[in-house]
Amino acid sequence: MRGLVTFLAARVARALVAVWLVSTVVFVVMRLSGDPVPLLLPPDAPRSEYARVAKELGTDRPLPVQYAVFLGHVAQADFRTLDPLPRAAMQVAMGLPAGDGRARVDGRSSSRCSSRCPSA
């Protein structure tokens, strides 16, 4: 029994190190692309809007603070903050646009309603 506990403890420790390493690589790669705020806003947006979005996303904080917040979200399995747009995780994974969940990749609605139905 003692050998099993030692074996399992070693496996759990290795898994935690692997998760930490992968999380660190993901954080670094995400930050290599630069600040995401200019990509999310139109070029003619006012500076106040840039500041608001940066504060909302947390990119106005120092990198160590961003990393600590990122690791906190990873520890809680909260991956919705990794996507700057408020979309469901399944929509992000499937490449679907934000919406009511009826959109398909080809842009047509998957609703069974024909042309006679009133628009929603």
N, C-alpha and C. Protein backbone atom coordinates (compact mmCIF):
# COMPACT_ATOMS: atom_id res chain seq x y z
N MET A 1 0.82 -1.20 0.00
CA MET A 1 0.00 0.00 0.00
C MET A 1 0.86 1.26 0.00
N ARG A 2 1.97 1.19 0.73
CA ARG A 2 2.85 2.36 0.80
C ARG A 2 3.47 2.67 -0.55
N GLY A 3 3.80 1.64 -1.31
CA GLY A 3 4.37 1.84 -2.63
C GLY A 3 3.37 2.47 -3.59
N LEU A 4 2.10 2.12 -3.45
CA LEU A 4 1.07 2.69 -4.30
C LEU A 4 0.89 4.18 -4.02
N VAL A 5 0.90 4.56 -2.75
CA VAL A 5 0.75 5.97 -2.38
C VAL A 5 1.93 6.77 -2.92
N THR A 6 3.13 6.24 -2.81
CA THR A 6 4.32 6.92 -3.33
C THR A 6 4.23 7.07 -4.84
N PHE A 7 3.79 6.03 -5.52
CA PHE A 7 3.65 6.04 -6.97
C PHE A 7 2.63 7.10 -7.40
N LEU A 8 1.47 7.10 -6.73
CA LEU A 8 0.42 8.06 -7.08
C LEU A 8 0.85 9.49 -6.77
N ALA A 9 1.55 9.70 -5.69
CA ALA A 9 2.03 11.04 -5.35
C ALA A 9 3.01 11.54 -6.40
N ALA A 10 3.88 10.66 -6.88
CA ALA A 10 4.83 11.04 -7.92
C ALA A 10 4.11 11.37 -9.22
N ARG A 11 3.09 10.60 -9.56
CA ARG A 11 2.31 10.88 -10.77
C ARG A 11 1.57 12.20 -10.69
N VAL A 12 0.96 12.47 -9.55
CA VAL A 12 0.24 13.73 -9.37
C VAL A 12 1.21 14.91 -9.44
N ALA A 13 2.38 14.78 -8.83
CA ALA A 13 3.37 15.85 -8.87
C ALA A 13 3.82 16.11 -10.31
N ARG A 14 4.06 15.06 -11.06
CA ARG A 14 4.46 15.23 -12.47
C ARG A 14 3.34 15.88 -13.28
N ALA A 15 2.10 15.49 -13.02
CA ALA A 15 0.97 16.07 -13.75
C ALA A 15 0.85 17.57 -13.44
N LEU A 16 1.03 17.94 -12.19
CA LEU A 16 0.96 19.36 -11.82
C LEU A 16 2.07 20.17 -12.48
N VAL A 17 3.26 19.61 -12.54
CA VAL A 17 4.38 20.29 -13.22
C VAL A 17 4.07 20.43 -14.71
N ALA A 18 3.52 19.40 -15.31
CA ALA A 18 3.18 19.46 -16.73
C ALA A 18 2.11 20.51 -17.00
N VAL A 19 1.09 20.58 -16.17
CA VAL A 19 0.03 21.58 -16.34
C VAL A 19 0.61 22.98 -16.17
N TRP A 20 1.49 23.17 -15.19
CA TRP A 20 2.12 24.48 -14.99
C TRP A 20 2.96 24.87 -16.20
N LEU A 21 3.75 23.93 -16.73
CA LEU A 21 4.59 24.24 -17.89
C LEU A 21 3.74 24.59 -19.11
N VAL A 22 2.73 23.81 -19.38
CA VAL A 22 1.86 24.09 -20.53
C VAL A 22 1.15 25.42 -20.35
N SER A 23 0.67 25.70 -19.15
CA SER A 23 0.01 26.98 -18.88
C SER A 23 0.97 28.15 -19.09
N THR A 24 2.21 27.99 -18.66
CA THR A 24 3.19 29.06 -18.84
C THR A 24 3.49 29.29 -20.31
N VAL A 25 3.62 28.22 -21.07
CA VAL A 25 3.87 28.36 -22.51
C VAL A 25 2.68 29.05 -23.18
N VAL A 26 1.46 28.68 -22.82
CA VAL A 26 0.27 29.31 -23.40
C VAL A 26 0.25 30.80 -23.06
N PHE A 27 0.55 31.15 -21.82
CA PHE A 27 0.57 32.56 -21.42
C PHE A 27 1.61 33.34 -22.22
N VAL A 28 2.80 32.80 -22.35
CA VAL A 28 3.87 33.49 -23.07
C VAL A 28 3.51 33.66 -24.54
N VAL A 29 2.99 32.62 -25.17
CA VAL A 29 2.61 32.71 -26.58
C VAL A 29 1.49 33.73 -26.78
N MET A 30 0.54 33.77 -25.87
CA MET A 30 -0.55 34.74 -25.98
C MET A 30 -0.02 36.17 -25.86
N ARG A 31 1.01 36.37 -25.05
CA ARG A 31 1.54 37.71 -24.86
C ARG A 31 2.55 38.10 -25.94
N LEU A 32 3.09 37.14 -26.68
CA LEU A 32 4.03 37.45 -27.75
C LEU A 32 3.36 38.22 -28.89
N SER A 33 2.08 38.01 -29.07
CA SER A 33 1.37 38.68 -30.15
C SER A 33 1.10 40.14 -29.85
N GLY A 34 1.37 40.57 -28.64
CA GLY A 34 1.18 41.97 -28.28
C GLY A 34 -0.15 42.22 -27.61
N ASP A 35 -0.50 43.48 -27.51
CA ASP A 35 -1.73 43.89 -26.84
C ASP A 35 -2.93 43.58 -27.74
N PRO A 36 -3.93 42.84 -27.25
CA PRO A 36 -5.08 42.50 -28.08
C PRO A 36 -6.09 43.63 -28.23
N VAL A 37 -5.98 44.67 -27.43
CA VAL A 37 -6.99 45.74 -27.44
C VAL A 37 -7.10 46.41 -28.82
N PRO A 38 -5.99 46.79 -29.48
CA PRO A 38 -6.14 47.41 -30.81
C PRO A 38 -6.79 46.50 -31.85
N LEU A 39 -6.69 45.19 -31.65
CA LEU A 39 -7.31 44.25 -32.58
C LEU A 39 -8.81 44.13 -32.35
N LEU A 40 -9.26 44.44 -31.14
CA LEU A 40 -10.67 44.28 -30.81
C LEU A 40 -11.50 45.52 -31.09
N LEU A 41 -10.84 46.67 -31.19
CA LEU A 41 -11.57 47.92 -31.38
C LEU A 41 -11.30 48.51 -32.76
N PRO A 42 -12.23 49.29 -33.27
CA PRO A 42 -11.99 49.96 -34.56
C PRO A 42 -10.88 51.01 -34.41
N PRO A 43 -10.19 51.32 -35.49
CA PRO A 43 -9.08 52.29 -35.41
C PRO A 43 -9.50 53.68 -34.93
N ASP A 44 -10.74 54.05 -35.17
CA ASP A 44 -11.18 55.39 -34.78
C ASP A 44 -11.82 55.45 -33.39
N ALA A 45 -11.67 54.39 -32.60
CA ALA A 45 -12.23 54.37 -31.25
C ALA A 45 -11.48 55.36 -30.37
N PRO A 46 -12.19 56.02 -29.46
CA PRO A 46 -11.53 56.99 -28.58
C PRO A 46 -10.60 56.30 -27.58
N ARG A 47 -9.64 57.07 -27.09
CA ARG A 47 -8.68 56.53 -26.13
C ARG A 47 -9.36 56.01 -24.87
N SER A 48 -10.45 56.63 -24.48
CA SER A 48 -11.16 56.17 -23.28
C SER A 48 -11.70 54.75 -23.47
N GLU A 49 -12.10 54.43 -24.71
CA GLU A 49 -12.59 53.08 -25.00
C GLU A 49 -11.45 52.06 -24.94
N TYR A 50 -10.27 52.46 -25.47
CA TYR A 50 -9.09 51.59 -25.37
C TYR A 50 -8.76 51.31 -23.90
N ALA A 51 -8.81 52.36 -23.07
CA ALA A 51 -8.49 52.20 -21.64
C ALA A 51 -9.53 51.31 -20.96
N ARG A 52 -10.81 51.47 -21.31
CA ARG A 52 -11.86 50.66 -20.70
C ARG A 52 -11.70 49.18 -21.03
N VAL A 53 -11.43 48.89 -22.32
CA VAL A 53 -11.27 47.49 -22.74
C VAL A 53 -10.00 46.89 -22.13
N ALA A 54 -8.93 47.67 -22.08
CA ALA A 54 -7.68 47.17 -21.47
C ALA A 54 -7.90 46.84 -20.00
N LYS A 55 -8.64 47.68 -19.30
CA LYS A 55 -8.94 47.41 -17.89
C LYS A 55 -9.83 46.19 -17.74
N GLU A 56 -10.81 46.06 -18.63
CA GLU A 56 -11.73 44.91 -18.59
C GLU A 56 -10.98 43.59 -18.82
N LEU A 57 -10.05 43.61 -19.78
CA LEU A 57 -9.28 42.40 -20.08
C LEU A 57 -8.11 42.19 -19.12
N GLY A 58 -7.74 43.24 -18.39
CA GLY A 58 -6.63 43.12 -17.45
C GLY A 58 -5.27 43.35 -18.08
N THR A 59 -5.22 43.82 -19.31
CA THR A 59 -3.93 44.03 -19.97
C THR A 59 -3.26 45.33 -19.54
N ASP A 60 -3.94 46.12 -18.70
CA ASP A 60 -3.33 47.33 -18.18
C ASP A 60 -2.47 47.05 -16.95
N ARG A 61 -2.49 45.83 -16.46
CA ARG A 61 -1.71 45.44 -15.29
C ARG A 61 -0.31 44.96 -15.70
N PRO A 62 0.63 44.93 -14.76
CA PRO A 62 1.97 44.40 -15.07
C PRO A 62 1.89 42.90 -15.41
N LEU A 63 2.86 42.43 -16.19
CA LEU A 63 2.85 41.03 -16.63
C LEU A 63 2.83 40.02 -15.48
N PRO A 64 3.60 40.22 -14.39
CA PRO A 64 3.50 39.23 -13.30
C PRO A 64 2.09 39.14 -12.70
N VAL A 65 1.39 40.26 -12.63
CA VAL A 65 0.02 40.24 -12.12
C VAL A 65 -0.89 39.52 -13.11
N GLN A 66 -0.72 39.79 -14.39
CA GLN A 66 -1.50 39.09 -15.42
C GLN A 66 -1.26 37.58 -15.35
N TYR A 67 0.00 37.20 -15.14
CA TYR A 67 0.35 35.77 -15.07
C TYR A 67 -0.30 35.13 -13.84
N ALA A 68 -0.27 35.82 -12.70
CA ALA A 68 -0.89 35.28 -11.49
C ALA A 68 -2.40 35.11 -11.68
N VAL A 69 -3.04 36.09 -12.29
CA VAL A 69 -4.48 36.00 -12.55
C VAL A 69 -4.76 34.85 -13.52
N PHE A 70 -3.92 34.73 -14.55
CA PHE A 70 -4.07 33.65 -15.54
C PHE A 70 -3.96 32.29 -14.86
N LEU A 71 -2.94 32.11 -14.00
CA LEU A 71 -2.79 30.83 -13.29
C LEU A 71 -3.95 30.57 -12.35
N GLY A 72 -4.48 31.62 -11.75
CA GLY A 72 -5.66 31.45 -10.90
C GLY A 72 -6.86 30.95 -11.68
N HIS A 73 -7.03 31.48 -12.89
CA HIS A 73 -8.14 31.01 -13.74
C HIS A 73 -7.90 29.58 -14.20
N VAL A 74 -6.66 29.24 -14.51
CA VAL A 74 -6.35 27.86 -14.92
C VAL A 74 -6.62 26.90 -13.76
N ALA A 75 -6.23 27.29 -12.54
CA ALA A 75 -6.46 26.43 -11.38
C ALA A 75 -7.94 26.21 -11.12
N GLN A 76 -8.77 27.18 -11.49
CA GLN A 76 -10.22 27.05 -11.32
C GLN A 76 -10.90 26.48 -12.55
N ALA A 77 -10.12 26.14 -13.57
CA ALA A 77 -10.63 25.64 -14.85
C ALA A 77 -11.60 26.64 -15.47
N ASP A 78 -11.30 27.92 -15.32
CA ASP A 78 -12.12 29.00 -15.86
C ASP A 78 -11.43 29.51 -17.12
N PHE A 79 -11.78 28.93 -18.26
CA PHE A 79 -11.11 29.26 -19.52
C PHE A 79 -11.88 30.29 -20.34
N ARG A 80 -13.00 30.76 -19.87
CA ARG A 80 -13.76 31.74 -20.64
C ARG A 80 -13.03 33.06 -20.75
N THR A 81 -12.16 33.38 -19.79
CA THR A 81 -11.45 34.64 -19.84
C THR A 81 -10.30 34.62 -20.83
N LEU A 82 -9.99 33.45 -21.37
CA LEU A 82 -8.92 33.38 -22.36
C LEU A 82 -9.39 33.93 -23.70
N ASP A 83 -10.69 33.92 -23.94
CA ASP A 83 -11.25 34.45 -25.17
C ASP A 83 -11.76 35.85 -24.89
N PRO A 84 -11.26 36.86 -25.60
CA PRO A 84 -11.68 38.22 -25.29
C PRO A 84 -13.12 38.53 -25.63
N LEU A 85 -13.77 37.70 -26.41
CA LEU A 85 -15.16 37.93 -26.76
C LEU A 85 -16.04 37.02 -25.91
N PRO A 86 -17.16 37.50 -25.43
CA PRO A 86 -18.01 36.68 -24.57
C PRO A 86 -18.80 35.65 -25.38
N ARG A 87 -18.18 34.52 -25.61
CA ARG A 87 -18.84 33.45 -26.35
C ARG A 87 -18.80 32.18 -25.52
N ALA A 88 -19.70 31.28 -25.79
CA ALA A 88 -19.70 30.00 -25.11
C ALA A 88 -18.49 29.19 -25.56
N ALA A 89 -17.95 28.39 -24.66
CA ALA A 89 -16.75 27.61 -24.96
C ALA A 89 -16.98 26.68 -26.15
N MET A 90 -18.16 26.10 -26.27
CA MET A 90 -18.43 25.19 -27.38
C MET A 90 -18.43 25.94 -28.71
N GLN A 91 -18.93 27.17 -28.72
CA GLN A 91 -18.91 27.96 -29.95
C GLN A 91 -17.48 28.27 -30.36
N VAL A 92 -16.62 28.58 -29.40
CA VAL A 92 -15.22 28.85 -29.70
C VAL A 92 -14.56 27.59 -30.25
N ALA A 93 -14.81 26.45 -29.61
CA ALA A 93 -14.19 25.20 -30.03
C ALA A 93 -14.63 24.78 -31.43
N MET A 94 -15.88 25.05 -31.77
CA MET A 94 -16.39 24.66 -33.07
C MET A 94 -16.21 25.73 -34.13
N GLY A 95 -15.72 26.91 -33.73
CA GLY A 95 -15.50 27.98 -34.68
C GLY A 95 -16.77 28.70 -35.08
N LEU A 96 -17.79 28.62 -34.22
CA LEU A 96 -19.06 29.26 -34.52
C LEU A 96 -19.05 30.70 -34.05
N PRO A 97 -19.77 31.58 -34.73
CA PRO A 97 -19.88 32.96 -34.25
C PRO A 97 -20.78 33.02 -33.03
N ALA A 98 -20.69 34.11 -32.30
CA ALA A 98 -21.57 34.30 -31.15
C ALA A 98 -23.00 34.46 -31.64
N GLY A 99 -23.93 33.97 -30.90
CA GLY A 99 -25.33 34.08 -31.31
C GLY A 99 -26.21 33.18 -30.49
N ASP A 100 -27.29 32.76 -31.07
CA ASP A 100 -28.26 31.96 -30.34
C ASP A 100 -27.96 30.47 -30.40
N GLY A 101 -26.85 30.08 -30.95
CA GLY A 101 -26.49 28.68 -31.02
C GLY A 101 -27.02 27.97 -32.24
N ARG A 102 -27.77 28.66 -33.11
CA ARG A 102 -28.33 28.02 -34.29
C ARG A 102 -27.45 28.22 -35.52
N ALA A 103 -26.44 29.07 -35.43
CA ALA A 103 -25.60 29.34 -36.59
C ALA A 103 -24.70 28.15 -36.87
N ARG A 104 -24.43 27.96 -38.15
CA ARG A 104 -23.50 26.91 -38.55
C ARG A 104 -22.29 27.56 -39.16
N VAL A 105 -21.27 26.76 -39.38
CA VAL A 105 -20.01 27.28 -39.93
C VAL A 105 -20.23 27.91 -41.30
N ASP A 106 -21.15 27.35 -42.09
CA ASP A 106 -21.37 27.89 -43.43
C ASP A 106 -22.24 29.15 -43.42
N GLY A 107 -22.66 29.62 -42.23
CA GLY A 107 -23.38 30.87 -42.12
C GLY A 107 -24.89 30.75 -42.19
N ARG A 108 -25.41 29.57 -42.53
CA ARG A 108 -26.85 29.39 -42.60
C ARG A 108 -27.38 28.94 -41.24
N SER A 109 -28.61 29.21 -40.97
CA SER A 109 -29.22 28.81 -39.72
C SER A 109 -29.54 27.32 -39.77
N SER A 110 -29.35 26.65 -38.64
CA SER A 110 -29.69 25.23 -38.59
C SER A 110 -31.11 25.03 -38.08
N SER A 111 -31.85 26.11 -37.96
CA SER A 111 -33.23 26.04 -37.51
C SER A 111 -34.06 25.26 -38.54
N ARG A 112 -35.07 24.56 -38.07
CA ARG A 112 -35.93 23.79 -38.96
C ARG A 112 -37.06 24.63 -39.52
N CYS A 113 -37.08 25.87 -39.17
CA CYS A 113 -38.15 26.77 -39.62
C CYS A 113 -37.98 27.08 -41.10
N SER A 114 -39.07 27.01 -41.84
CA SER A 114 -39.00 27.33 -43.26
C SER A 114 -39.17 28.83 -43.47
N SER A 115 -39.26 29.25 -44.71
CA SER A 115 -39.40 30.68 -45.04
C SER A 115 -40.74 31.23 -44.57
N ARG A 116 -41.71 30.35 -44.26
CA ARG A 116 -43.02 30.82 -43.80
C ARG A 116 -43.00 31.29 -42.35
N CYS A 117 -42.01 30.88 -41.58
CA CYS A 117 -41.95 31.24 -40.16
C CYS A 117 -41.53 32.70 -40.00
N PRO A 118 -42.07 33.35 -38.99
CA PRO A 118 -41.62 34.73 -38.75
C PRO A 118 -40.18 34.72 -38.27
N SER A 119 -39.48 35.79 -38.61
CA SER A 119 -38.08 35.85 -38.19
C SER A 119 -38.00 36.05 -36.68
N ALA A 120 -37.00 35.44 -36.08
CA ALA A 120 -36.85 35.51 -34.62
C ALA A 120 -36.19 36.78 -34.19
